[in-house]
Structure formats: C-alpha cells, structure tokens
Amino acid sequence: MDITVQELRQKIQAGEKFVFIDVREPWEYEEFNIGAQLMPLNTLISQMSDLEDHKNDEIVLHCRSGARSGMAQSMMAANGFSNVRNMTGGIIAWQDAFGKTQP
C-alpha cells in the first residue's frame, strides 16, 4: 500500500510511530533528506535482519522518485514484512509539494 507525501507529512507531524527508511544513496541523503533512516537499496537485503523486530509494524520507504522504494517494498513483502508502504513520487513529489521544507 502506498502513502502520499501529504499523508506522510501529517503522520510525522502527528507524532505517529512507524519505521521510516530512505533507500537512496548517501550523497542523495546528504543533499536533502526528510529524517528517515538511511538504508541504501543495495544494502537493504543484508540489513533486513536488523528490521526483524518490525515485521508487523508500519514501515514507510522512500527514494527519489518512488521506483527504488517500490523495489524495496516488494523485497520486504517477499521476506514477510506485512505493512510496508511506499511514498508515492519520492523526494521529487515531496519537494513539489513542500519545497525544501523538512517535516
């Protein structure tokens, strides 16, 4: 199930608890990020065991456009994670909606 940037921003501002992961590369994260834990797509498989405790928790993934986080969402679902959401449109959609504003 996907989540829009507007829904995500409301969730963050309301202080809701969820696991928030950015699957972009470190240089992209340094350029601009919205506070997610950096876990690049190419390391996600090896780091998935670190997330074992969150198999049934809500996990929100994002990348630049939504493509890499969509792949990560599929990989995590295949590994038994039951509530993984992809931020539609990624950072591009966030910046279109809110500029360089962090949540």
PDB file of N, CA and C in Angstrom:
ATOM      1  N   MET A   1       0.840  -1.182   0.000  1.00  0.00           N
ATOM      2  CA  MET A   1       0.000   0.000   0.000  1.00  0.00           C
ATOM      3  C   MET A   1       0.888   1.249   0.000  1.00  0.00           C
ATOM      4  N   ASP A   2       0.546   2.199  -0.833  1.00  0.00           N
ATOM      5  CA  ASP A   2       1.351   3.409  -0.935  1.00  0.00           C
ATOM      6  C   ASP A   2       0.838   4.503  -0.005  1.00  0.00           C
ATOM      7  N   ILE A   3       1.662   5.515   0.183  1.00  0.00           N
ATOM      8  CA  ILE A   3       1.290   6.660   1.014  1.00  0.00           C
ATOM      9  C   ILE A   3       1.715   7.919   0.260  1.00  0.00           C
ATOM     10  N   THR A   4       0.871   8.939   0.278  1.00  0.00           N
ATOM     11  CA  THR A   4       1.223  10.189  -0.404  1.00  0.00           C
ATOM     12  C   THR A   4       2.118  11.032   0.500  1.00  0.00           C
ATOM     13  N   VAL A   5       2.773  12.020  -0.087  1.00  0.00           N
ATOM     14  CA  VAL A   5       3.633  12.898   0.721  1.00  0.00           C
ATOM     15  C   VAL A   5       2.794  13.675   1.728  1.00  0.00           C
ATOM     16  N   GLN A   6       1.570  14.027   1.353  1.00  0.00           N
ATOM     17  CA  GLN A   6       0.696  14.757   2.269  1.00  0.00           C
ATOM     18  C   GLN A   6       0.313  13.885   3.468  1.00  0.00           C
ATOM     19  N   GLU A   7      -0.046  12.626   3.198  1.00  0.00           N
ATOM     20  CA  GLU A   7      -0.393  11.700   4.289  1.00  0.00           C
ATOM     21  C   GLU A   7       0.801  11.472   5.202  1.00  0.00           C
ATOM     22  N   LEU A   8       1.986  11.319   4.602  1.00  0.00           N
ATOM     23  CA  LEU A   8       3.197  11.085   5.384  1.00  0.00           C
ATOM     24  C   LEU A   8       3.511  12.288   6.266  1.00  0.00           C
ATOM     25  N   ARG A   9       3.410  13.480   5.711  1.00  0.00           N
ATOM     26  CA  ARG A   9       3.709  14.677   6.496  1.00  0.00           C
ATOM     27  C   ARG A   9       2.766  14.796   7.691  1.00  0.00           C
ATOM     28  N   GLN A  10       1.481  14.512   7.475  1.00  0.00           N
ATOM     29  CA  GLN A  10       0.509  14.544   8.580  1.00  0.00           C
ATOM     30  C   GLN A  10       0.881  13.525   9.651  1.00  0.00           C
ATOM     31  N   LYS A  11       1.270  12.344   9.219  1.00  0.00           N
ATOM     32  CA  LYS A  11       1.655  11.257  10.126  1.00  0.00           C
ATOM     33  C   LYS A  11       2.861  11.674  10.979  1.00  0.00           C
ATOM     34  N   ILE A  12       3.860  12.289  10.340  1.00  0.00           N
ATOM     35  CA  ILE A  12       5.061  12.739  11.056  1.00  0.00           C
ATOM     36  C   ILE A  12       4.692  13.849  12.040  1.00  0.00           C
ATOM     37  N   GLN A  13       3.918  14.819  11.565  1.00  0.00           N
ATOM     38  CA  GLN A  13       3.559  15.949  12.422  1.00  0.00           C
ATOM     39  C   GLN A  13       2.669  15.538  13.585  1.00  0.00           C
ATOM     40  N   ALA A  14       1.909  14.456  13.406  1.00  0.00           N
ATOM     41  CA  ALA A  14       1.051  13.952  14.479  1.00  0.00           C
ATOM     42  C   ALA A  14       1.835  13.094  15.473  1.00  0.00           C
ATOM     43  N   GLY A  15       3.112  12.847  15.149  1.00  0.00           N
ATOM     44  CA  GLY A  15       3.961  12.071  16.046  1.00  0.00           C
ATOM     45  C   GLY A  15       3.663  10.577  16.036  1.00  0.00           C
ATOM     46  N   GLU A  16       3.065  10.099  14.943  1.00  0.00           N
ATOM     47  CA  GLU A  16       2.756   8.666  14.852  1.00  0.00           C
ATOM     48  C   GLU A  16       4.037   7.849  14.789  1.00  0.00           C
ATOM     49  N   LYS A  17       3.981   6.654  15.341  1.00  0.00           N
ATOM     50  CA  LYS A  17       5.148   5.763  15.362  1.00  0.00           C
ATOM     51  C   LYS A  17       5.141   4.860  14.134  1.00  0.00           C
ATOM     52  N   PHE A  18       6.233   4.862  13.412  1.00  0.00           N
ATOM     53  CA  PHE A  18       6.432   3.959  12.284  1.00  0.00           C
ATOM     54  C   PHE A  18       7.915   3.924  11.966  1.00  0.00           C
ATOM     55  N   VAL A  19       8.329   2.934  11.199  1.00  0.00           N
ATOM     56  CA  VAL A  19       9.729   2.817  10.790  1.00  0.00           C
ATOM     57  C   VAL A  19       9.856   3.543   9.453  1.00  0.00           C
ATOM     58  N   PHE A  20      10.794   4.485   9.374  1.00  0.00           N
ATOM     59  CA  PHE A  20      10.917   5.360   8.212  1.00  0.00           C
ATOM     60  C   PHE A  20      12.291   5.143   7.581  1.00  0.00           C
ATOM     61  N   ILE A  21      12.313   4.655   6.334  1.00  0.00           N
ATOM     62  CA  ILE A  21      13.572   4.283   5.682  1.00  0.00           C
ATOM     63  C   ILE A  21      13.724   4.975   4.328  1.00  0.00           C
ATOM     64  N   ASP A  22      14.905   5.546   4.124  1.00  0.00           N
ATOM     65  CA  ASP A  22      15.291   6.188   2.865  1.00  0.00           C
ATOM     66  C   ASP A  22      16.237   5.219   2.152  1.00  0.00           C
ATOM     67  N   VAL A  23      15.848   4.739   0.964  1.00  0.00           N
ATOM     68  CA  VAL A  23      16.679   3.745   0.261  1.00  0.00           C
ATOM     69  C   VAL A  23      17.580   4.370  -0.812  1.00  0.00           C
ATOM     70  N   ARG A  24      17.746   5.692  -0.757  1.00  0.00           N
ATOM     71  CA  ARG A  24      18.640   6.354  -1.716  1.00  0.00           C
ATOM     72  C   ARG A  24      20.100   6.148  -1.317  1.00  0.00           C
ATOM     73  N   GLU A  25      20.989   6.740  -2.097  1.00  0.00           N
ATOM     74  CA  GLU A  25      22.424   6.675  -1.821  1.00  0.00           C
ATOM     75  C   GLU A  25      22.820   7.766  -0.823  1.00  0.00           C
ATOM     76  N   PRO A  26      23.939   7.559  -0.103  1.00  0.00           N
ATOM     77  CA  PRO A  26      24.365   8.550   0.903  1.00  0.00           C
ATOM     78  C   PRO A  26      24.475   9.982   0.368  1.00  0.00           C
ATOM     79  N   TRP A  27      25.004  10.150  -0.851  1.00  0.00           N
ATOM     80  CA  TRP A  27      25.157  11.508  -1.393  1.00  0.00           C
ATOM     81  C   TRP A  27      23.793  12.166  -1.610  1.00  0.00           C
ATOM     82  N   GLU A  28      22.777  11.386  -1.983  1.00  0.00           N
ATOM     83  CA  GLU A  28      21.430  11.941  -2.169  1.00  0.00           C
ATOM     84  C   GLU A  28      20.854  12.360  -0.817  1.00  0.00           C
ATOM     85  N   TYR A  29      21.118  11.536   0.180  1.00  0.00           N
ATOM     86  CA  TYR A  29      20.634  11.797   1.540  1.00  0.00           C
ATOM     87  C   TYR A  29      21.251  13.089   2.082  1.00  0.00           C
ATOM     88  N   GLU A  30      22.563  13.269   1.835  1.00  0.00           N
ATOM     89  CA  GLU A  30      23.254  14.469   2.308  1.00  0.00           C
ATOM     90  C   GLU A  30      22.716  15.721   1.623  1.00  0.00           C
ATOM     91  N   GLU A  31      22.339  15.579   0.358  1.00  0.00           N
ATOM     92  CA  GLU A  31      21.818  16.702  -0.420  1.00  0.00           C
ATOM     93  C   GLU A  31      20.506  17.226   0.178  1.00  0.00           C
ATOM     94  N   PHE A  32      19.609  16.307   0.510  1.00  0.00           N
ATOM     95  CA  PHE A  32      18.335  16.664   1.124  1.00  0.00           C
ATOM     96  C   PHE A  32      17.681  15.402   1.654  1.00  0.00           C
ATOM     97  N   ASN A  33      17.229  15.464   2.903  1.00  0.00           N
ATOM     98  CA  ASN A  33      16.511  14.313   3.447  1.00  0.00           C
ATOM     99  C   ASN A  33      15.387  14.795   4.346  1.00  0.00           C
ATOM    100  N   ILE A  34      14.446  13.896   4.617  1.00  0.00           N
ATOM    101  CA  ILE A  34      13.287  14.265   5.440  1.00  0.00           C
ATOM    102  C   ILE A  34      13.257  13.460   6.737  1.00  0.00           C
ATOM    103  N   GLY A  35      14.449  13.051   7.172  1.00  0.00           N
ATOM    104  CA  GLY A  35      14.571  12.466   8.500  1.00  0.00           C
ATOM    105  C   GLY A  35      14.449  10.959   8.595  1.00  0.00           C
ATOM    106  N   ALA A  36      14.395  10.274   7.477  1.00  0.00           N
ATOM    107  CA  ALA A  36      14.308   8.812   7.518  1.00  0.00           C
ATOM    108  C   ALA A  36      15.688   8.213   7.800  1.00  0.00           C
ATOM    109  N   GLN A  37      15.696   6.960   8.219  1.00  0.00           N
ATOM    110  CA  GLN A  37      16.943   6.229   8.421  1.00  0.00           C
ATOM    111  C   GLN A  37      17.482   5.839   7.052  1.00  0.00           C
ATOM    112  N   LEU A  38      18.740   6.161   6.797  1.00  0.00           N
ATOM    113  CA  LEU A  38      19.346   5.832   5.504  1.00  0.00           C
ATOM    114  C   LEU A  38      19.707   4.348   5.455  1.00  0.00           C
ATOM    115  N   MET A  39      19.188   3.662   4.445  1.00  0.00           N
ATOM    116  CA  MET A  39      19.469   2.249   4.224  1.00  0.00           C
ATOM    117  C   MET A  39      19.430   2.032   2.708  1.00  0.00           C
ATOM    118  N   PRO A  40      20.533   2.367   2.002  1.00  0.00           N
ATOM    119  CA  PRO A  40      20.525   2.279   0.537  1.00  0.00           C
ATOM    120  C   PRO A  40      20.011   0.934   0.032  1.00  0.00           C
ATOM    121  N   LEU A  41      19.304   0.977  -1.080  1.00  0.00           N
ATOM    122  CA  LEU A  41      18.688  -0.224  -1.645  1.00  0.00           C
ATOM    123  C   LEU A  41      19.683  -1.379  -1.763  1.00  0.00           C
ATOM    124  N   ASN A  42      20.918  -1.086  -2.194  1.00  0.00           N
ATOM    125  CA  ASN A  42      21.889  -2.169  -2.390  1.00  0.00           C
ATOM    126  C   ASN A  42      22.358  -2.798  -1.081  1.00  0.00           C
ATOM    127  N   THR A  43      22.065  -2.182   0.066  1.00  0.00           N
ATOM    128  CA  THR A  43      22.437  -2.784   1.354  1.00  0.00           C
ATOM    129  C   THR A  43      21.205  -3.291   2.110  1.00  0.00           C
ATOM    130  N   LEU A  44      20.025  -3.003   1.577  1.00  0.00           N
ATOM    131  CA  LEU A  44      18.788  -3.347   2.293  1.00  0.00           C
ATOM    132  C   LEU A  44      18.683  -4.843   2.585  1.00  0.00           C
ATOM    133  N   ILE A  45      19.008  -5.680   1.607  1.00  0.00           N
ATOM    134  CA  ILE A  45      18.903  -7.136   1.810  1.00  0.00           C
ATOM    135  C   ILE A  45      19.756  -7.571   3.003  1.00  0.00           C
ATOM    136  N   SER A  46      21.002  -7.091   3.046  1.00  0.00           N
ATOM    137  CA  SER A  46      21.882  -7.510   4.147  1.00  0.00           C
ATOM    138  C   SER A  46      21.462  -6.885   5.477  1.00  0.00           C
ATOM    139  N   GLN A  47      20.756  -5.757   5.444  1.00  0.00           N
ATOM    140  CA  GLN A  47      20.343  -5.103   6.678  1.00  0.00           C
ATOM    141  C   GLN A  47      18.923  -5.501   7.114  1.00  0.00           C
ATOM    142  N   MET A  48      18.242  -6.289   6.293  1.00  0.00           N
ATOM    143  CA  MET A  48      16.858  -6.637   6.587  1.00  0.00           C
ATOM    144  C   MET A  48      16.718  -7.354   7.927  1.00  0.00           C
ATOM    145  N   SER A  49      17.728  -8.138   8.289  1.00  0.00           N
ATOM    146  CA  SER A  49      17.658  -8.851   9.570  1.00  0.00           C
ATOM    147  C   SER A  49      17.624  -7.866  10.746  1.00  0.00           C
ATOM    148  N   ASP A  50      18.200  -6.672  10.562  1.00  0.00           N
ATOM    149  CA  ASP A  50      18.155  -5.642  11.609  1.00  0.00           C
ATOM    150  C   ASP A  50      16.728  -5.158  11.851  1.00  0.00           C
ATOM    151  N   LEU A  51      15.862  -5.380  10.868  1.00  0.00           N
ATOM    152  CA  LEU A  51      14.477  -4.902  10.957  1.00  0.00           C
ATOM    153  C   LEU A  51      13.506  -6.006  11.379  1.00  0.00           C
ATOM    154  N   GLU A  52      14.053  -7.160  11.711  1.00  0.00           N
ATOM    155  CA  GLU A  52      13.251  -8.345  12.047  1.00  0.00           C
ATOM    156  C   GLU A  52      12.170  -8.044  13.090  1.00  0.00           C
ATOM    157  N   ASP A  53      12.498  -7.205  14.063  1.00  0.00           N
ATOM    158  CA  ASP A  53      11.541  -6.865  15.129  1.00  0.00           C
ATOM    159  C   ASP A  53      10.359  -6.047  14.619  1.00  0.00           C
ATOM    160  N   HIS A  54      10.466  -5.553  13.392  1.00  0.00           N
ATOM    161  CA  HIS A  54       9.422  -4.667  12.844  1.00  0.00           C
ATOM    162  C   HIS A  54       8.592  -5.330  11.751  1.00  0.00           C
ATOM    163  N   LYS A  55       8.610  -6.673  11.696  1.00  0.00           N
ATOM    164  CA  LYS A  55       7.905  -7.391  10.618  1.00  0.00           C
ATOM    165  C   LYS A  55       6.433  -7.007  10.497  1.00  0.00           C
ATOM    166  N   ASN A  56       5.787  -6.710  11.625  1.00  0.00           N
ATOM    167  CA  ASN A  56       4.358  -6.376  11.594  1.00  0.00           C
ATOM    168  C   ASN A  56       4.090  -4.898  11.835  1.00  0.00           C
ATOM    169  N   ASP A  57       5.151  -4.118  12.012  1.00  0.00           N
ATOM    170  CA  ASP A  57       4.990  -2.679  12.221  1.00  0.00           C
ATOM    171  C   ASP A  57       4.842  -1.977  10.878  1.00  0.00           C
ATOM    172  N   GLU A  58       4.302  -0.772  10.922  1.00  0.00           N
ATOM    173  CA  GLU A  58       4.220   0.014   9.697  1.00  0.00           C
ATOM    174  C   GLU A  58       5.616   0.506   9.338  1.00  0.00           C
ATOM    175  N   ILE A  59       5.989   0.273   8.084  1.00  0.00           N
ATOM    176  CA  ILE A  59       7.282   0.727   7.566  1.00  0.00           C
ATOM    177  C   ILE A  59       6.990   1.588   6.345  1.00  0.00           C
ATOM    178  N   VAL A  60       7.552   2.800   6.318  1.00  0.00           N
ATOM    179  CA  VAL A  60       7.391   3.686   5.168  1.00  0.00           C
ATOM    180  C   VAL A  60       8.755   3.827   4.508  1.00  0.00           C
ATOM    181  N   LEU A  61       8.795   3.541   3.215  1.00  0.00           N
ATOM    182  CA  LEU A  61      10.027   3.630   2.427  1.00  0.00           C
ATOM    183  C   LEU A  61       9.931   4.795   1.453  1.00  0.00           C
ATOM    184  N   HIS A  62      11.062   5.419   1.156  1.00  0.00           N
ATOM    185  CA  HIS A  62      11.063   6.411   0.079  1.00  0.00           C
ATOM    186  C   HIS A  62      12.420   6.455  -0.600  1.00  0.00           C
ATOM    187  N   CYS A  63      12.405   6.999  -1.821  1.00  0.00           N
ATOM    188  CA  CYS A  63      13.634   7.218  -2.582  1.00  0.00           C
ATOM    189  C   CYS A  63      13.463   8.552  -3.316  1.00  0.00           C
ATOM    190  N   ARG A  64      14.094   8.700  -4.472  1.00  0.00           N
ATOM    191  CA  ARG A  64      13.998   9.955  -5.213  1.00  0.00           C
ATOM    192  C   ARG A  64      12.664  10.082  -5.929  1.00  0.00           C
ATOM    193  N   SER A  65      12.235   8.976  -6.581  1.00  0.00           N
ATOM    194  CA  SER A  65      11.023   9.058  -7.406  1.00  0.00           C
ATOM    195  C   SER A  65       9.945   8.036  -7.041  1.00  0.00           C
ATOM    196  N   GLY A  66      10.305   7.070  -6.208  1.00  0.00           N
ATOM    197  CA  GLY A  66       9.367   6.008  -5.852  1.00  0.00           C
ATOM    198  C   GLY A  66       9.700   4.673  -6.476  1.00  0.00           C
ATOM    199  N   ALA A  67      10.646   4.641  -7.423  1.00  0.00           N
ATOM    200  CA  ALA A  67      10.984   3.391  -8.114  1.00  0.00           C
ATOM    201  C   ALA A  67      11.801   2.448  -7.225  1.00  0.00           C
ATOM    202  N   ARG A  68      12.894   2.951  -6.655  1.00  0.00           N
ATOM    203  CA  ARG A  68      13.734   2.091  -5.799  1.00  0.00           C
ATOM    204  C   ARG A  68      12.978   1.667  -4.553  1.00  0.00           C
ATOM    205  N   SER A  69      12.203   2.591  -3.970  1.00  0.00           N
ATOM    206  CA  SER A  69      11.454   2.217  -2.768  1.00  0.00           C
ATOM    207  C   SER A  69      10.364   1.216  -3.112  1.00  0.00           C
ATOM    208  N   GLY A  70       9.850   1.255  -4.344  1.00  0.00           N
ATOM    209  CA  GLY A  70       8.888   0.250  -4.793  1.00  0.00           C
ATOM    210  C   GLY A  70       9.537  -1.127  -4.862  1.00  0.00           C
ATOM    211  N   MET A  71      10.777  -1.179  -5.343  1.00  0.00           N
ATOM    212  CA  MET A  71      11.518  -2.457  -5.386  1.00  0.00           C
ATOM    213  C   MET A  71      11.774  -2.948  -3.956  1.00  0.00           C
ATOM    214  N   ALA A  72      12.172  -2.025  -3.087  1.00  0.00           N
ATOM    215  CA  ALA A  72      12.439  -2.385  -1.686  1.00  0.00           C
ATOM    216  C   ALA A  72      11.162  -2.898  -1.019  1.00  0.00           C
ATOM    217  N   GLN A  73      10.036  -2.269  -1.342  1.00  0.00           N
ATOM    218  CA  GLN A  73       8.744  -2.678  -0.791  1.00  0.00           C
ATOM    219  C   GLN A  73       8.448  -4.133  -1.187  1.00  0.00           C
ATOM    220  N   SER A  74       8.672  -4.470  -2.449  1.00  0.00           N
ATOM    221  CA  SER A  74       8.448  -5.839  -2.930  1.00  0.00           C
ATOM    222  C   SER A  74       9.380  -6.830  -2.240  1.00  0.00           C
ATOM    223  N   MET A  75      10.656  -6.453  -2.090  1.00  0.00           N
ATOM    224  CA  MET A  75      11.626  -7.335  -1.441  1.00  0.00           C
ATOM    225  C   MET A  75      11.233  -7.591   0.012  1.00  0.00           C
ATOM    226  N   MET A  76      10.817  -6.533   0.694  1.00  0.00           N
ATOM    227  CA  MET A  76      10.460  -6.681   2.101  1.00  0.00           C
ATOM    228  C   MET A  76       9.191  -7.521   2.256  1.00  0.00           C
ATOM    229  N   ALA A  77       8.218  -7.302   1.386  1.00  0.00           N
ATOM    230  CA  ALA A  77       6.982  -8.094   1.432  1.00  0.00           C
ATOM    231  C   ALA A  77       7.309  -9.574   1.208  1.00  0.00           C
ATOM    232  N   ALA A  78       8.219  -9.843   0.273  1.00  0.00           N
ATOM    233  CA  ALA A  78       8.626 -11.222  -0.017  1.00  0.00           C
ATOM    234  C   ALA A  78       9.342 -11.856   1.173  1.00  0.00           C
ATOM    235  N   ASN A  79       9.885 -11.032   2.052  1.00  0.00           N
ATOM    236  CA  ASN A  79      10.589 -11.520   3.239  1.00  0.00           C
ATOM    237  C   ASN A  79       9.725 -11.476   4.496  1.00  0.00           C
ATOM    238  N   GLY A  80       8.414 -11.353   4.313  1.00  0.00           N
ATOM    239  CA  GLY A  80       7.498 -11.484   5.444  1.00  0.00           C
ATOM    240  C   GLY A  80       7.122 -10.205   6.161  1.00  0.00           C
ATOM    241  N   PHE A  81       7.526  -9.045   5.633  1.00  0.00           N
ATOM    242  CA  PHE A  81       7.118  -7.779   6.252  1.00  0.00           C
ATOM    243  C   PHE A  81       5.702  -7.472   5.772  1.00  0.00           C
ATOM    244  N   SER A  82       4.792  -7.268   6.709  1.00  0.00           N
ATOM    245  CA  SER A  82       3.365  -7.249   6.355  1.00  0.00           C
ATOM    246  C   SER A  82       2.763  -5.864   6.121  1.00  0.00           C
ATOM    247  N   ASN A  83       3.463  -4.800   6.515  1.00  0.00           N
ATOM    248  CA  ASN A  83       2.844  -3.471   6.427  1.00  0.00           C
ATOM    249  C   ASN A  83       3.838  -2.449   5.883  1.00  0.00           C
ATOM    250  N   VAL A  84       4.319  -2.678   4.658  1.00  0.00           N
ATOM    251  CA  VAL A  84       5.329  -1.802   4.057  1.00  0.00           C
ATOM    252  C   VAL A  84       4.656  -0.872   3.059  1.00  0.00           C
ATOM    253  N   ARG A  85       4.891   0.438   3.227  1.00  0.00           N
ATOM    254  CA  ARG A  85       4.277   1.440   2.362  1.00  0.00           C
ATOM    255  C   ARG A  85       5.353   2.208   1.603  1.00  0.00           C
ATOM    256  N   ASN A  86       5.044   2.571   0.373  1.00  0.00           N
ATOM    257  CA  ASN A  86       5.976   3.306  -0.486  1.00  0.00           C
ATOM    258  C   ASN A  86       5.458   4.743  -0.630  1.00  0.00           C
ATOM    259  N   MET A  87       6.322   5.726  -0.358  1.00  0.00           N
ATOM    260  CA  MET A  87       5.939   7.122  -0.534  1.00  0.00           C
ATOM    261  C   MET A  87       5.873   7.428  -2.030  1.00  0.00           C
ATOM    262  N   THR A  88       4.672   7.635  -2.523  1.00  0.00           N
ATOM    263  CA  THR A  88       4.428   7.870  -3.948  1.00  0.00           C
ATOM    264  C   THR A  88       5.179   9.105  -4.442  1.00  0.00           C
ATOM    265  N   GLY A  89       5.965   8.923  -5.508  1.00  0.00           N
ATOM    266  CA  GLY A  89       6.656  10.058  -6.120  1.00  0.00           C
ATOM    267  C   GLY A  89       7.961  10.444  -5.473  1.00  0.00           C
ATOM    268  N   GLY A  90       8.265   9.855  -4.302  1.00  0.00           N
ATOM    269  CA  GLY A  90       9.540  10.076  -3.637  1.00  0.00           C
ATOM    270  C   GLY A  90       9.826  11.531  -3.276  1.00  0.00           C
ATOM    271  N   ILE A  91      11.121  11.813  -3.136  1.00  0.00           N
ATOM    272  CA  ILE A  91      11.580  13.162  -2.759  1.00  0.00           C
ATOM    273  C   ILE A  91      11.146  14.191  -3.805  1.00  0.00           C
ATOM    274  N   ILE A  92      11.053  13.782  -5.060  1.00  0.00           N
ATOM    275  CA  ILE A  92      10.595  14.710  -6.107  1.00  0.00           C
ATOM    276  C   ILE A  92       9.193  15.222  -5.759  1.00  0.00           C
ATOM    277  N   ALA A  93       8.302  14.316  -5.387  1.00  0.00           N
ATOM    278  CA  ALA A  93       6.933  14.705  -5.024  1.00  0.00           C
ATOM    279  C   ALA A  93       6.925  15.540  -3.748  1.00  0.00           C
ATOM    280  N   TRP A  94       7.793  15.184  -2.788  1.00  0.00           N
ATOM    281  CA  TRP A  94       7.883  15.954  -1.536  1.00  0.00           C
ATOM    282  C   TRP A  94       8.273  17.403  -1.859  1.00  0.00           C
ATOM    283  N   GLN A  95       9.307  17.572  -2.691  1.00  0.00           N
ATOM    284  CA  GLN A  95       9.783  18.926  -2.994  1.00  0.00           C
ATOM    285  C   GLN A  95       8.763  19.684  -3.857  1.00  0.00           C
ATOM    286  N   ASP A  96       8.029  18.982  -4.725  1.00  0.00           N
ATOM    287  CA  ASP A  96       6.967  19.638  -5.491  1.00  0.00           C
ATOM    288  C   ASP A  96       5.896  20.178  -4.553  1.00  0.00           C
ATOM    289  N   ALA A  97       5.583  19.412  -3.517  1.00  0.00           N
ATOM    290  CA  ALA A  97       4.525  19.789  -2.585  1.00  0.00           C
ATOM    291  C   ALA A  97       4.989  20.790  -1.527  1.00  0.00           C
ATOM    292  N   PHE A  98       6.191  20.574  -0.983  1.00  0.00           N
ATOM    293  CA  PHE A  98       6.620  21.354   0.189  1.00  0.00           C
ATOM    294  C   PHE A  98       7.941  22.079   0.015  1.00  0.00           C
ATOM    295  N   GLY A  99       8.532  22.035  -1.176  1.00  0.00           N
ATOM    296  CA  GLY A  99       9.834  22.661  -1.379  1.00  0.00           C
ATOM    297  C   GLY A  99      10.902  21.916  -0.578  1.00  0.00           C
ATOM    298  N   LYS A 100      11.858  22.655  -0.053  1.00  0.00           N
ATOM    299  CA  LYS A 100      12.945  22.016   0.714  1.00  0.00           C
ATOM    300  C   LYS A 100      12.601  21.974   2.203  1.00  0.00           C
ATOM    301  N   THR A 101      11.304  22.039   2.512  1.00  0.00           N
ATOM    302  CA  THR A 101      10.857  22.008   3.894  1.00  0.00           C
ATOM    303  C   THR A 101      10.929  20.605   4.447  1.00  0.00           C
ATOM    304  N   GLN A 102      11.518  20.465   5.620  1.00  0.00           N
ATOM    305  CA  GLN A 102      11.527  19.162   6.266  1.00  0.00           C
ATOM    306  C   GLN A 102      10.202  19.025   7.016  1.00  0.00           C
ATOM    307  N   PRO A 103       9.848  17.798   7.400  1.00  0.00           N
ATOM    308  CA  PRO A 103       8.524  17.578   8.042  1.00  0.00           C
ATOM    309  C   PRO A 103       8.294  18.417   9.285  1.00  0.00           C
TER     310      PRO A 103
END
